[in-house]
N, C-alpha and C. Protein backbone atom coordinates (compact mmCIF):
# COMPACT_ATOMS: atom_id res chain seq x y z
N MET A 1 93.05 92.77 106.53
CA MET A 1 93.70 93.18 107.77
C MET A 1 94.60 92.08 108.31
N LYS A 2 94.12 90.83 108.25
CA LYS A 2 94.92 89.71 108.76
C LYS A 2 96.20 89.55 107.97
N ASN A 3 96.13 89.79 106.63
CA ASN A 3 97.34 89.71 105.81
C ASN A 3 98.34 90.79 106.20
N VAL A 4 97.84 91.99 106.50
CA VAL A 4 98.73 93.08 106.91
C VAL A 4 99.41 92.73 108.22
N ILE A 5 98.64 92.22 109.18
CA ILE A 5 99.20 91.84 110.47
C ILE A 5 100.22 90.74 110.31
N SER A 6 99.92 89.75 109.45
CA SER A 6 100.86 88.65 109.22
C SER A 6 102.17 89.16 108.64
N ARG A 7 102.08 90.09 107.66
CA ARG A 7 103.30 90.64 107.07
C ARG A 7 104.09 91.45 108.09
N ALA A 8 103.40 92.23 108.91
CA ALA A 8 104.08 93.03 109.93
C ALA A 8 104.79 92.13 110.94
N THR A 9 104.11 91.05 111.33
CA THR A 9 104.72 90.11 112.27
C THR A 9 105.96 89.48 111.68
N SER A 10 105.87 89.02 110.43
CA SER A 10 107.01 88.37 109.77
C SER A 10 108.18 89.33 109.64
N CYS A 11 107.90 90.58 109.27
CA CYS A 11 108.97 91.57 109.11
C CYS A 11 109.65 91.86 110.43
N ALA A 12 108.87 91.99 111.50
CA ALA A 12 109.44 92.30 112.81
C ALA A 12 110.35 91.17 113.28
N LEU A 13 109.91 89.93 113.09
CA LEU A 13 110.73 88.79 113.50
C LEU A 13 111.99 88.70 112.66
N ALA A 14 111.89 89.02 111.36
CA ALA A 14 113.08 88.98 110.49
C ALA A 14 114.08 90.04 110.91
N VAL A 15 113.58 91.25 111.24
CA VAL A 15 114.48 92.32 111.69
C VAL A 15 115.18 91.93 112.99
N ALA A 16 114.43 91.33 113.91
CA ALA A 16 115.02 90.90 115.17
C ALA A 16 116.10 89.86 114.94
N ALA A 17 115.85 88.90 114.05
CA ALA A 17 116.84 87.86 113.77
C ALA A 17 118.10 88.44 113.14
N MET A 18 117.94 89.38 112.18
CA MET A 18 119.11 89.96 111.52
C MET A 18 119.93 90.80 112.49
N ALA A 19 119.25 91.49 113.41
CA ALA A 19 119.98 92.30 114.38
C ALA A 19 120.73 91.43 115.39
N LEU A 20 120.18 90.28 115.72
CA LEU A 20 120.77 89.42 116.74
C LEU A 20 121.98 88.66 116.24
N MET A 21 121.96 88.18 115.00
CA MET A 21 123.01 87.30 114.52
C MET A 21 124.40 87.92 114.53
N PRO A 22 124.61 89.17 114.10
CA PRO A 22 125.95 89.73 114.16
C PRO A 22 126.48 89.86 115.59
N GLY A 23 125.57 90.15 116.54
CA GLY A 23 125.99 90.29 117.92
C GLY A 23 126.48 88.98 118.50
N ILE A 24 125.87 87.87 118.11
CA ILE A 24 126.32 86.57 118.59
C ILE A 24 127.74 86.30 118.12
N ALA A 25 128.03 86.66 116.88
CA ALA A 25 129.36 86.41 116.33
C ALA A 25 130.41 87.25 117.04
N LYS A 26 130.05 88.48 117.50
CA LYS A 26 131.03 89.38 118.08
C LYS A 26 131.11 89.31 119.60
N ALA A 27 130.22 88.55 120.21
CA ALA A 27 130.15 88.55 121.67
C ALA A 27 131.45 88.06 122.30
N GLU A 28 131.84 88.70 123.37
CA GLU A 28 133.02 88.31 124.11
C GLU A 28 132.63 88.06 125.56
N GLU A 29 133.34 87.14 126.22
CA GLU A 29 133.06 86.87 127.61
C GLU A 29 133.32 88.11 128.44
N GLY A 30 132.50 88.32 129.46
CA GLY A 30 132.69 89.45 130.35
C GLY A 30 131.99 90.71 129.91
N ASP A 31 131.34 90.74 128.74
CA ASP A 31 130.68 91.94 128.26
C ASP A 31 129.28 92.14 128.83
N LYS A 32 128.76 91.15 129.53
CA LYS A 32 127.40 91.21 130.08
C LYS A 32 126.40 91.56 129.00
N ASN A 33 126.34 90.71 127.99
CA ASN A 33 125.47 90.94 126.85
C ASN A 33 124.08 90.33 127.02
N TRP A 34 123.79 89.78 128.18
CA TRP A 34 122.48 89.19 128.45
C TRP A 34 121.85 89.87 129.67
N GLN A 35 120.55 89.93 129.65
CA GLN A 35 119.80 90.53 130.76
C GLN A 35 118.50 89.76 130.96
N VAL A 36 118.19 89.48 132.22
CA VAL A 36 116.94 88.81 132.58
C VAL A 36 116.20 89.69 133.58
N ARG A 37 114.89 89.86 133.36
CA ARG A 37 114.09 90.64 134.29
C ARG A 37 112.89 89.82 134.78
N LEU A 38 112.49 90.06 136.02
CA LEU A 38 111.24 89.54 136.56
C LEU A 38 110.33 90.73 136.81
N LEU A 39 109.15 90.70 136.18
CA LEU A 39 108.27 91.86 136.16
C LEU A 39 106.88 91.52 136.69
N GLY A 40 106.21 92.53 137.20
CA GLY A 40 104.77 92.49 137.38
C GLY A 40 104.13 93.32 136.29
N SER A 41 103.14 92.78 135.60
CA SER A 41 102.57 93.46 134.44
C SER A 41 101.05 93.58 134.58
N TYR A 42 100.55 94.75 134.25
CA TYR A 42 99.12 95.02 134.22
C TYR A 42 98.69 95.07 132.76
N VAL A 43 97.79 94.17 132.38
CA VAL A 43 97.36 94.05 130.99
C VAL A 43 95.99 94.70 130.85
N ILE A 44 95.93 95.76 130.04
CA ILE A 44 94.68 96.51 129.84
C ILE A 44 94.23 96.28 128.40
N THR A 45 93.16 95.55 128.21
CA THR A 45 92.67 95.25 126.87
C THR A 45 91.60 96.24 126.45
N GLU A 46 91.55 96.47 125.14
CA GLU A 46 90.39 97.17 124.61
C GLU A 46 89.20 96.21 124.66
N ASN A 47 88.01 96.72 124.57
CA ASN A 47 86.82 95.89 124.68
C ASN A 47 85.91 96.08 123.47
N GLY A 48 85.09 95.06 123.24
CA GLY A 48 84.09 95.15 122.20
C GLY A 48 84.33 94.19 121.07
N ALA A 49 83.23 93.67 120.52
CA ALA A 49 83.26 92.82 119.34
C ALA A 49 82.46 93.49 118.23
N ASP A 50 82.87 93.25 116.99
CA ASP A 50 82.13 93.84 115.87
C ASP A 50 80.70 93.32 115.82
N GLN A 51 80.55 92.03 116.15
CA GLN A 51 79.22 91.43 116.05
C GLN A 51 79.17 90.17 116.91
N VAL A 52 78.02 89.95 117.56
CA VAL A 52 77.76 88.70 118.27
C VAL A 52 76.57 88.03 117.59
N ARG A 53 76.77 86.76 117.17
CA ARG A 53 75.73 86.03 116.45
C ARG A 53 75.34 84.76 117.21
N VAL A 54 74.05 84.49 117.23
CA VAL A 54 73.54 83.24 117.80
C VAL A 54 72.92 82.44 116.68
N ASN A 55 73.47 81.26 116.43
CA ASN A 55 73.02 80.40 115.32
C ASN A 55 72.98 81.18 114.00
N GLY A 56 73.98 82.05 113.81
CA GLY A 56 74.11 82.78 112.56
C GLY A 56 73.40 84.12 112.50
N SER A 57 72.54 84.40 113.46
CA SER A 57 71.79 85.66 113.44
C SER A 57 72.39 86.66 114.43
N ALA A 58 72.61 87.89 113.94
CA ALA A 58 73.19 88.92 114.80
C ALA A 58 72.25 89.28 115.94
N VAL A 59 72.82 89.49 117.14
CA VAL A 59 72.04 89.89 118.31
C VAL A 59 72.25 91.39 118.52
N ALA A 60 71.21 92.17 118.30
CA ALA A 60 71.32 93.62 118.41
C ALA A 60 71.72 94.04 119.82
N GLY A 61 72.75 94.89 119.91
CA GLY A 61 73.16 95.44 121.20
C GLY A 61 74.03 94.52 122.03
N ALA A 62 74.32 93.31 121.55
CA ALA A 62 75.15 92.38 122.32
C ALA A 62 76.62 92.71 122.14
N ASP A 63 77.38 92.65 123.22
CA ASP A 63 78.81 92.96 123.15
C ASP A 63 79.53 92.17 124.24
N LEU A 64 80.87 92.22 124.20
CA LEU A 64 81.70 91.48 125.15
C LEU A 64 82.77 92.38 125.74
N ALA A 65 83.21 92.03 126.94
CA ALA A 65 84.32 92.71 127.59
C ALA A 65 85.25 91.68 128.20
N THR A 66 86.55 91.93 128.13
CA THR A 66 87.54 91.03 128.72
C THR A 66 88.14 91.65 129.97
N SER A 67 88.54 90.79 130.91
CA SER A 67 89.13 91.27 132.15
C SER A 67 90.54 91.78 131.91
N ASN A 68 91.06 92.55 132.87
CA ASN A 68 92.39 93.14 132.78
C ASN A 68 93.27 92.55 133.89
N PRO A 69 93.99 91.46 133.61
CA PRO A 69 94.72 90.78 134.68
C PRO A 69 96.04 91.46 135.04
N VAL A 70 96.47 91.23 136.27
CA VAL A 70 97.83 91.56 136.72
C VAL A 70 98.59 90.25 136.76
N ILE A 71 99.73 90.17 136.08
CA ILE A 71 100.40 88.90 135.85
C ILE A 71 101.91 89.01 136.11
N PRO A 72 102.55 87.91 136.49
CA PRO A 72 104.02 87.87 136.50
C PRO A 72 104.53 87.66 135.08
N ALA A 73 105.69 88.24 134.77
CA ALA A 73 106.25 88.10 133.43
C ALA A 73 107.78 88.02 133.53
N LEU A 74 108.37 87.45 132.50
CA LEU A 74 109.82 87.29 132.42
C LEU A 74 110.30 87.85 131.09
N THR A 75 111.42 88.57 131.10
CA THR A 75 112.04 89.01 129.86
C THR A 75 113.47 88.51 129.79
N VAL A 76 113.92 88.21 128.57
CA VAL A 76 115.32 87.89 128.30
C VAL A 76 115.76 88.82 127.18
N THR A 77 116.85 89.56 127.41
CA THR A 77 117.34 90.52 126.43
C THR A 77 118.76 90.17 126.03
N ARG A 78 119.04 90.23 124.73
CA ARG A 78 120.39 90.04 124.19
C ARG A 78 120.86 91.39 123.64
N PHE A 79 121.95 91.91 124.18
CA PHE A 79 122.49 93.18 123.72
C PHE A 79 123.42 92.98 122.53
N VAL A 80 123.33 93.89 121.58
CA VAL A 80 124.24 93.96 120.45
C VAL A 80 124.92 95.32 120.54
N GLY A 81 126.04 95.38 121.26
CA GLY A 81 126.63 96.66 121.59
C GLY A 81 125.84 97.33 122.70
N ASP A 82 126.11 98.61 122.95
CA ASP A 82 125.43 99.32 124.04
C ASP A 82 124.02 99.76 123.67
N ASN A 83 123.72 99.91 122.39
CA ASN A 83 122.51 100.62 122.01
C ASN A 83 121.45 99.80 121.28
N ILE A 84 121.71 98.54 121.03
CA ILE A 84 120.71 97.68 120.38
C ILE A 84 120.44 96.47 121.28
N GLY A 85 119.17 96.17 121.47
CA GLY A 85 118.79 94.99 122.24
C GLY A 85 117.68 94.23 121.54
N ILE A 86 117.70 92.92 121.67
CA ILE A 86 116.62 92.06 121.20
C ILE A 86 115.99 91.42 122.42
N GLU A 87 114.69 91.63 122.61
CA GLU A 87 114.05 91.20 123.84
C GLU A 87 112.90 90.22 123.58
N LEU A 88 112.85 89.19 124.41
CA LEU A 88 111.71 88.27 124.46
C LEU A 88 110.99 88.47 125.78
N PHE A 89 109.71 88.79 125.70
CA PHE A 89 108.83 88.93 126.86
C PHE A 89 107.86 87.77 126.83
N CYS A 90 107.64 87.12 127.98
CA CYS A 90 106.67 86.01 127.97
C CYS A 90 105.90 85.96 129.29
N CYS A 91 104.72 85.45 129.19
CA CYS A 91 103.85 85.36 130.36
C CYS A 91 102.70 84.40 130.08
N PHE A 92 102.09 83.91 131.16
CA PHE A 92 100.84 83.16 131.10
C PHE A 92 99.82 83.89 131.97
N ALA A 93 98.57 83.87 131.57
CA ALA A 93 97.55 84.52 132.39
C ALA A 93 96.17 83.96 132.04
N ARG A 94 95.24 84.19 132.92
CA ARG A 94 93.85 83.80 132.71
C ARG A 94 93.02 85.05 132.48
N VAL A 95 92.08 84.95 131.55
CA VAL A 95 91.22 86.10 131.25
C VAL A 95 89.76 85.65 131.26
N ASP A 96 88.89 86.50 131.79
CA ASP A 96 87.45 86.24 131.79
C ASP A 96 86.79 87.10 130.72
N VAL A 97 85.79 86.53 130.07
CA VAL A 97 85.01 87.24 129.06
C VAL A 97 83.58 87.38 129.59
N ASP A 98 83.10 88.61 129.70
CA ASP A 98 81.77 88.88 130.23
C ASP A 98 80.94 89.61 129.19
N GLY A 99 79.63 89.52 129.35
CA GLY A 99 78.72 90.17 128.41
C GLY A 99 78.53 91.64 128.72
N ARG A 100 78.23 92.42 127.67
CA ARG A 100 77.86 93.83 127.79
C ARG A 100 76.64 94.09 126.93
N GLY A 101 76.03 95.23 127.13
CA GLY A 101 74.86 95.56 126.32
C GLY A 101 73.73 94.57 126.55
N ALA A 102 73.26 93.94 125.47
CA ALA A 102 72.18 92.97 125.58
C ALA A 102 72.59 91.74 126.37
N LEU A 103 73.90 91.54 126.57
CA LEU A 103 74.41 90.40 127.35
C LEU A 103 74.92 90.83 128.72
N ALA A 104 74.58 92.02 129.15
CA ALA A 104 75.10 92.55 130.42
C ALA A 104 74.80 91.58 131.56
N GLY A 105 75.83 91.34 132.38
CA GLY A 105 75.68 90.44 133.52
C GLY A 105 75.98 88.99 133.21
N ALA A 106 76.16 88.64 131.95
CA ALA A 106 76.41 87.25 131.58
C ALA A 106 77.89 86.90 131.76
N ASP A 107 78.15 85.76 132.39
CA ASP A 107 79.51 85.22 132.50
C ASP A 107 79.70 84.31 131.29
N VAL A 108 80.46 84.75 130.30
CA VAL A 108 80.47 84.10 128.99
C VAL A 108 81.51 82.99 128.89
N ALA A 109 82.75 83.29 129.22
CA ALA A 109 83.81 82.29 129.02
C ALA A 109 85.03 82.66 129.85
N ARG A 110 85.94 81.69 129.97
CA ARG A 110 87.23 81.91 130.62
C ARG A 110 88.28 81.16 129.81
N ALA A 111 89.47 81.75 129.69
CA ALA A 111 90.55 81.10 128.94
C ALA A 111 91.90 81.49 129.54
N THR A 112 92.87 80.62 129.32
CA THR A 112 94.26 80.91 129.69
C THR A 112 95.02 81.22 128.42
N PHE A 113 95.96 82.16 128.49
CA PHE A 113 96.72 82.49 127.29
C PHE A 113 98.22 82.54 127.58
N PHE A 114 98.99 82.30 126.53
CA PHE A 114 100.44 82.48 126.49
C PHE A 114 100.70 83.59 125.50
N ALA A 115 101.43 84.63 125.93
CA ALA A 115 101.50 85.86 125.12
C ALA A 115 102.94 86.33 124.94
N PRO A 116 103.77 85.63 124.15
CA PRO A 116 105.14 86.08 123.93
C PRO A 116 105.19 87.34 123.05
N VAL A 117 106.18 88.20 123.34
CA VAL A 117 106.44 89.40 122.55
C VAL A 117 107.92 89.42 122.21
N VAL A 118 108.26 89.66 120.95
CA VAL A 118 109.65 89.85 120.53
C VAL A 118 109.79 91.27 119.99
N THR A 119 110.76 92.02 120.55
CA THR A 119 110.99 93.38 120.07
C THR A 119 112.48 93.63 119.83
N ALA A 120 112.76 94.47 118.85
CA ALA A 120 114.10 95.02 118.64
C ALA A 120 114.09 96.43 119.22
N GLN A 121 115.09 96.74 120.07
CA GLN A 121 115.10 97.99 120.81
C GLN A 121 116.29 98.87 120.41
N TYR A 122 116.07 100.17 120.42
CA TYR A 122 117.18 101.11 120.39
C TYR A 122 117.27 101.75 121.76
N ARG A 123 118.47 101.74 122.34
CA ARG A 123 118.70 102.22 123.70
C ARG A 123 119.57 103.48 123.68
N PHE A 124 119.17 104.46 124.49
CA PHE A 124 119.83 105.76 124.51
C PHE A 124 120.83 105.81 125.67
N GLY A 125 122.09 106.08 125.34
CA GLY A 125 123.10 106.20 126.37
C GLY A 125 123.74 104.87 126.72
N PRO A 126 124.84 104.91 127.48
CA PRO A 126 125.55 103.68 127.84
C PRO A 126 124.80 102.87 128.89
N ARG A 127 125.11 101.59 128.96
CA ARG A 127 124.47 100.73 129.95
C ARG A 127 124.93 101.01 131.37
N SER A 128 125.97 101.79 131.54
CA SER A 128 126.46 102.11 132.88
C SER A 128 125.55 103.08 133.62
N GLY A 129 124.64 103.75 132.91
CA GLY A 129 123.73 104.69 133.52
C GLY A 129 122.29 104.39 133.14
N PRO A 130 121.33 105.20 133.60
CA PRO A 130 119.93 105.00 133.21
C PRO A 130 119.82 104.97 131.69
N GLN A 131 119.10 103.99 131.17
CA GLN A 131 119.08 103.76 129.73
C GLN A 131 117.63 103.67 129.22
N PRO A 132 117.07 104.80 128.79
CA PRO A 132 115.75 104.73 128.14
C PRO A 132 115.86 103.99 126.81
N TYR A 133 114.74 103.42 126.36
CA TYR A 133 114.75 102.69 125.09
C TYR A 133 113.37 102.74 124.45
N VAL A 134 113.36 102.57 123.15
CA VAL A 134 112.13 102.37 122.39
C VAL A 134 112.30 101.10 121.56
N GLY A 135 111.20 100.45 121.24
CA GLY A 135 111.30 99.21 120.49
C GLY A 135 110.07 98.96 119.64
N ALA A 136 110.21 98.02 118.72
CA ALA A 136 109.11 97.58 117.87
C ALA A 136 109.29 96.11 117.57
N GLY A 137 108.18 95.41 117.42
CA GLY A 137 108.26 93.98 117.16
C GLY A 137 106.88 93.40 116.94
N ALA A 138 106.65 92.23 117.52
CA ALA A 138 105.38 91.52 117.29
C ALA A 138 105.01 90.71 118.51
N GLN A 139 103.72 90.48 118.67
CA GLN A 139 103.19 89.66 119.76
C GLN A 139 102.28 88.59 119.19
N ALA A 140 102.32 87.42 119.83
CA ALA A 140 101.37 86.34 119.54
C ALA A 140 100.56 86.06 120.80
N LEU A 141 99.34 85.63 120.62
CA LEU A 141 98.47 85.31 121.75
C LEU A 141 97.85 83.94 121.49
N PHE A 142 98.31 82.95 122.28
CA PHE A 142 97.85 81.57 122.13
C PHE A 142 96.91 81.24 123.28
N PHE A 143 95.69 80.80 122.98
CA PHE A 143 94.70 80.49 124.00
C PHE A 143 94.60 78.97 124.20
N PHE A 144 94.41 78.57 125.45
CA PHE A 144 94.16 77.16 125.76
C PHE A 144 93.32 77.10 127.03
N ASN A 145 92.87 75.90 127.37
CA ASN A 145 91.96 75.71 128.52
C ASN A 145 90.75 76.64 128.44
N GLU A 146 90.23 76.82 127.23
CA GLU A 146 89.03 77.65 127.08
C GLU A 146 87.83 76.93 127.69
N ARG A 147 87.02 77.67 128.41
CA ARG A 147 85.84 77.09 129.07
C ARG A 147 84.63 77.98 128.86
N ALA A 148 83.56 77.40 128.35
CA ALA A 148 82.30 78.13 128.23
C ALA A 148 81.65 78.23 129.61
N ARG A 149 81.15 79.41 129.95
CA ARG A 149 80.51 79.60 131.26
C ARG A 149 79.09 80.13 131.11
N LEU A 150 78.68 80.34 129.87
CA LEU A 150 77.32 80.78 129.61
C LEU A 150 76.38 79.58 129.69
N GLY A 151 75.27 79.74 130.37
CA GLY A 151 74.35 78.63 130.59
C GLY A 151 73.93 77.94 129.30
N GLY A 152 74.02 76.61 129.27
CA GLY A 152 73.62 75.83 128.10
C GLY A 152 74.73 75.57 127.11
N PHE A 153 75.90 76.15 127.34
CA PHE A 153 77.02 75.96 126.42
C PHE A 153 78.14 75.18 127.12
N THR A 154 78.78 74.29 126.37
CA THR A 154 79.74 73.37 126.96
C THR A 154 81.16 73.52 126.44
N GLN A 155 81.34 74.16 125.29
CA GLN A 155 82.67 74.29 124.70
C GLN A 155 82.92 75.72 124.25
N ALA A 156 84.21 76.13 124.34
CA ALA A 156 84.61 77.46 123.88
C ALA A 156 85.91 77.33 123.09
N LYS A 157 86.05 78.17 122.08
CA LYS A 157 87.27 78.20 121.28
C LYS A 157 87.59 79.65 120.92
N VAL A 158 88.84 80.05 121.21
CA VAL A 158 89.30 81.40 120.87
C VAL A 158 90.48 81.26 119.92
N LYS A 159 90.43 81.98 118.81
CA LYS A 159 91.48 81.88 117.79
C LYS A 159 92.77 82.54 118.26
N THR A 160 93.90 81.95 117.84
CA THR A 160 95.20 82.55 118.06
C THR A 160 95.27 83.91 117.36
N ALA A 161 95.89 84.87 118.02
CA ALA A 161 95.99 86.23 117.46
C ALA A 161 97.46 86.63 117.31
N PHE A 162 97.75 87.44 116.28
CA PHE A 162 99.09 87.97 116.04
C PHE A 162 98.98 89.45 115.70
N GLY A 163 100.01 90.22 116.06
CA GLY A 163 99.99 91.62 115.67
C GLY A 163 101.26 92.35 116.04
N PRO A 164 101.45 93.55 115.48
CA PRO A 164 102.64 94.35 115.77
C PRO A 164 102.59 94.95 117.17
N THR A 165 103.77 95.26 117.70
CA THR A 165 103.91 95.80 119.06
C THR A 165 104.88 96.98 119.05
N LEU A 166 104.54 98.02 119.80
CA LEU A 166 105.44 99.15 120.06
C LEU A 166 105.79 99.14 121.55
N GLN A 167 106.96 99.70 121.89
CA GLN A 167 107.46 99.58 123.26
C GLN A 167 108.27 100.81 123.63
N ALA A 168 108.21 101.18 124.92
CA ALA A 168 109.09 102.21 125.47
C ALA A 168 109.34 101.87 126.93
N GLY A 169 110.54 102.18 127.43
CA GLY A 169 110.84 101.87 128.81
C GLY A 169 112.17 102.45 129.23
N ILE A 170 112.60 102.07 130.43
CA ILE A 170 113.89 102.51 130.96
C ILE A 170 114.44 101.47 131.91
N ASP A 171 115.73 101.20 131.80
CA ASP A 171 116.48 100.39 132.75
C ASP A 171 117.36 101.31 133.57
N VAL A 172 117.34 101.16 134.89
CA VAL A 172 118.17 101.96 135.79
C VAL A 172 119.07 101.01 136.57
N PRO A 173 120.39 101.05 136.35
CA PRO A 173 121.28 100.11 137.02
C PRO A 173 121.38 100.38 138.51
N LEU A 174 121.52 99.29 139.28
CA LEU A 174 121.80 99.35 140.71
C LEU A 174 123.10 98.60 140.93
N GLY A 175 124.21 99.27 140.75
CA GLY A 175 125.49 98.60 140.79
C GLY A 175 125.84 98.02 139.43
N ASP A 176 126.71 97.02 139.43
CA ASP A 176 127.27 96.49 138.20
C ASP A 176 126.34 95.52 137.48
N SER A 177 125.51 94.79 138.22
CA SER A 177 124.74 93.70 137.60
C SER A 177 123.23 93.84 137.76
N PHE A 178 122.76 94.49 138.80
CA PHE A 178 121.33 94.55 139.06
C PHE A 178 120.73 95.85 138.53
N LEU A 179 119.42 95.84 138.30
CA LEU A 179 118.74 97.02 137.75
C LEU A 179 117.27 96.98 138.11
N ILE A 180 116.63 98.13 137.97
CA ILE A 180 115.17 98.21 138.04
C ILE A 180 114.66 98.67 136.68
N ASN A 181 113.43 98.33 136.38
CA ASN A 181 112.89 98.58 135.05
C ASN A 181 111.44 99.06 135.12
N ALA A 182 111.08 99.95 134.20
CA ALA A 182 109.68 100.30 133.92
C ALA A 182 109.48 100.22 132.42
N ASP A 183 108.35 99.69 131.98
CA ASP A 183 108.18 99.40 130.55
C ASP A 183 106.70 99.47 130.19
N VAL A 184 106.43 99.96 128.98
CA VAL A 184 105.07 100.00 128.45
C VAL A 184 105.10 99.44 127.02
N LYS A 185 104.19 98.51 126.74
CA LYS A 185 104.03 97.97 125.39
C LYS A 185 102.59 98.17 124.93
N LYS A 186 102.43 98.36 123.64
CA LYS A 186 101.10 98.45 123.03
C LYS A 186 101.08 97.54 121.81
N SER A 187 100.20 96.54 121.83
CA SER A 187 100.04 95.63 120.70
C SER A 187 98.72 95.91 120.00
N PHE A 188 98.63 95.44 118.75
CA PHE A 188 97.45 95.73 117.93
C PHE A 188 96.96 94.44 117.28
N PHE A 189 95.87 93.88 117.80
CA PHE A 189 95.29 92.69 117.18
C PHE A 189 93.89 92.44 117.74
N SER A 190 93.17 91.56 117.07
CA SER A 190 91.84 91.13 117.51
C SER A 190 91.72 89.64 117.27
N THR A 191 90.63 89.05 117.76
CA THR A 191 90.44 87.62 117.60
C THR A 191 88.95 87.30 117.47
N ASP A 192 88.65 86.05 117.18
CA ASP A 192 87.26 85.56 117.10
C ASP A 192 87.08 84.45 118.13
N ALA A 193 85.86 84.30 118.62
CA ALA A 193 85.56 83.26 119.61
C ALA A 193 84.24 82.58 119.27
N THR A 194 84.15 81.31 119.66
CA THR A 194 82.94 80.53 119.40
C THR A 194 82.56 79.74 120.65
N LEU A 195 81.27 79.77 121.00
CA LEU A 195 80.71 78.91 122.05
C LEU A 195 79.75 77.93 121.41
N THR A 196 79.80 76.67 121.83
CA THR A 196 78.86 75.68 121.32
C THR A 196 78.24 74.90 122.48
N GLY A 197 77.02 74.48 122.26
CA GLY A 197 76.31 73.67 123.26
C GLY A 197 75.07 73.08 122.63
N GLY A 198 75.00 71.75 122.51
CA GLY A 198 73.88 71.13 121.84
C GLY A 198 73.82 71.58 120.39
N SER A 199 72.68 72.12 120.00
CA SER A 199 72.51 72.59 118.62
C SER A 199 72.72 74.09 118.49
N SER A 200 73.19 74.74 119.56
CA SER A 200 73.34 76.20 119.56
C SER A 200 74.81 76.61 119.43
N THR A 201 75.03 77.70 118.71
CA THR A 201 76.37 78.25 118.53
C THR A 201 76.32 79.77 118.68
N VAL A 202 77.27 80.29 119.45
CA VAL A 202 77.44 81.74 119.56
C VAL A 202 78.79 82.09 118.97
N ASN A 203 78.81 83.04 118.04
CA ASN A 203 80.05 83.53 117.43
C ASN A 203 80.25 84.99 117.80
N ALA A 204 81.45 85.31 118.26
CA ALA A 204 81.83 86.71 118.50
C ALA A 204 82.91 87.05 117.50
N ASP A 205 82.65 88.01 116.63
CA ASP A 205 83.54 88.35 115.53
C ASP A 205 84.39 89.57 115.86
N ASN A 206 85.69 89.46 115.58
CA ASN A 206 86.62 90.58 115.70
C ASN A 206 86.56 91.22 117.09
N ILE A 207 86.86 90.41 118.09
CA ILE A 207 86.93 90.91 119.46
C ILE A 207 88.20 91.74 119.60
N LYS A 208 88.05 92.98 119.94
CA LYS A 208 89.20 93.88 120.02
C LYS A 208 89.96 93.65 121.33
N LEU A 209 91.22 93.31 121.22
CA LEU A 209 92.08 93.13 122.39
C LEU A 209 93.11 94.26 122.47
N SER A 210 94.02 94.32 121.50
CA SER A 210 95.02 95.40 121.38
C SER A 210 95.48 95.90 122.75
N PRO A 211 96.13 95.05 123.55
CA PRO A 211 96.40 95.41 124.94
C PRO A 211 97.52 96.43 125.13
N TRP A 212 97.40 97.21 126.20
CA TRP A 212 98.52 97.89 126.83
C TRP A 212 99.09 96.94 127.87
N ILE A 213 100.41 96.80 127.91
CA ILE A 213 101.07 95.99 128.93
C ILE A 213 102.01 96.91 129.70
N ILE A 214 101.65 97.21 130.93
CA ILE A 214 102.40 98.15 131.76
C ILE A 214 103.14 97.34 132.82
N SER A 215 104.48 97.44 132.84
CA SER A 215 105.30 96.55 133.66
C SER A 215 106.31 97.33 134.50
N ALA A 216 106.69 96.71 135.63
CA ALA A 216 107.78 97.21 136.46
C ALA A 216 108.40 96.02 137.16
N GLY A 217 109.72 96.09 137.39
CA GLY A 217 110.35 94.98 138.08
C GLY A 217 111.85 95.15 138.22
N VAL A 218 112.52 94.04 138.45
CA VAL A 218 113.96 94.03 138.70
C VAL A 218 114.63 93.12 137.69
N GLY A 219 115.94 93.35 137.46
CA GLY A 219 116.66 92.57 136.48
C GLY A 219 118.08 92.29 136.90
N PHE A 220 118.71 91.42 136.13
CA PHE A 220 120.11 91.02 136.38
C PHE A 220 120.83 90.88 135.04
N ARG A 221 122.02 91.48 134.93
CA ARG A 221 122.83 91.39 133.70
C ARG A 221 123.99 90.45 133.92
N PHE A 222 124.31 89.70 132.88
CA PHE A 222 125.42 88.75 133.00
C PHE A 222 126.07 88.52 131.64
């Protein structure tokens, strides 16, 4: 599965790069080929781990759930003509990991993540009017400042995750340069996490994240 995700990520980034390069060569001043948006995003993650192990032994009924943060986000879009766009979405956020099942009520860990998304978009209609779009690309999820919060554990580590992303949205212009936006993305990936403390280790395998990212905000074209 990881090899499939890696290939999908590489292909999406290659497609984005190939689509972007011709547009850079043809760009002319005054065409307003760039767009920046400031968004509020609601991140809804799937929950559950395939297995939770303590010192190598599976714990029956133990599971995990991640919080669903509301975060500020920024996008930068490069247009290639009226109907093709290459978009970078980026954000930072904090997520809490709590226990479920046999671990219900446990405060397990907290981490901060950086979650860039690159998508190639096809846009319907001219930029002078409302412009729905669909896109596909890839997302990476980089974790840092991981903190164990489960009693007796002092360190936490969450693996970097990568996966493909699908997207749909609409830009509605407000005059020549400003716009409002609504956007939905769905990414597909999972990760592993480890807690350590003294001689004890807790491993959570294949934690399902695969988030929905639901966004709305304002933008500026230049």
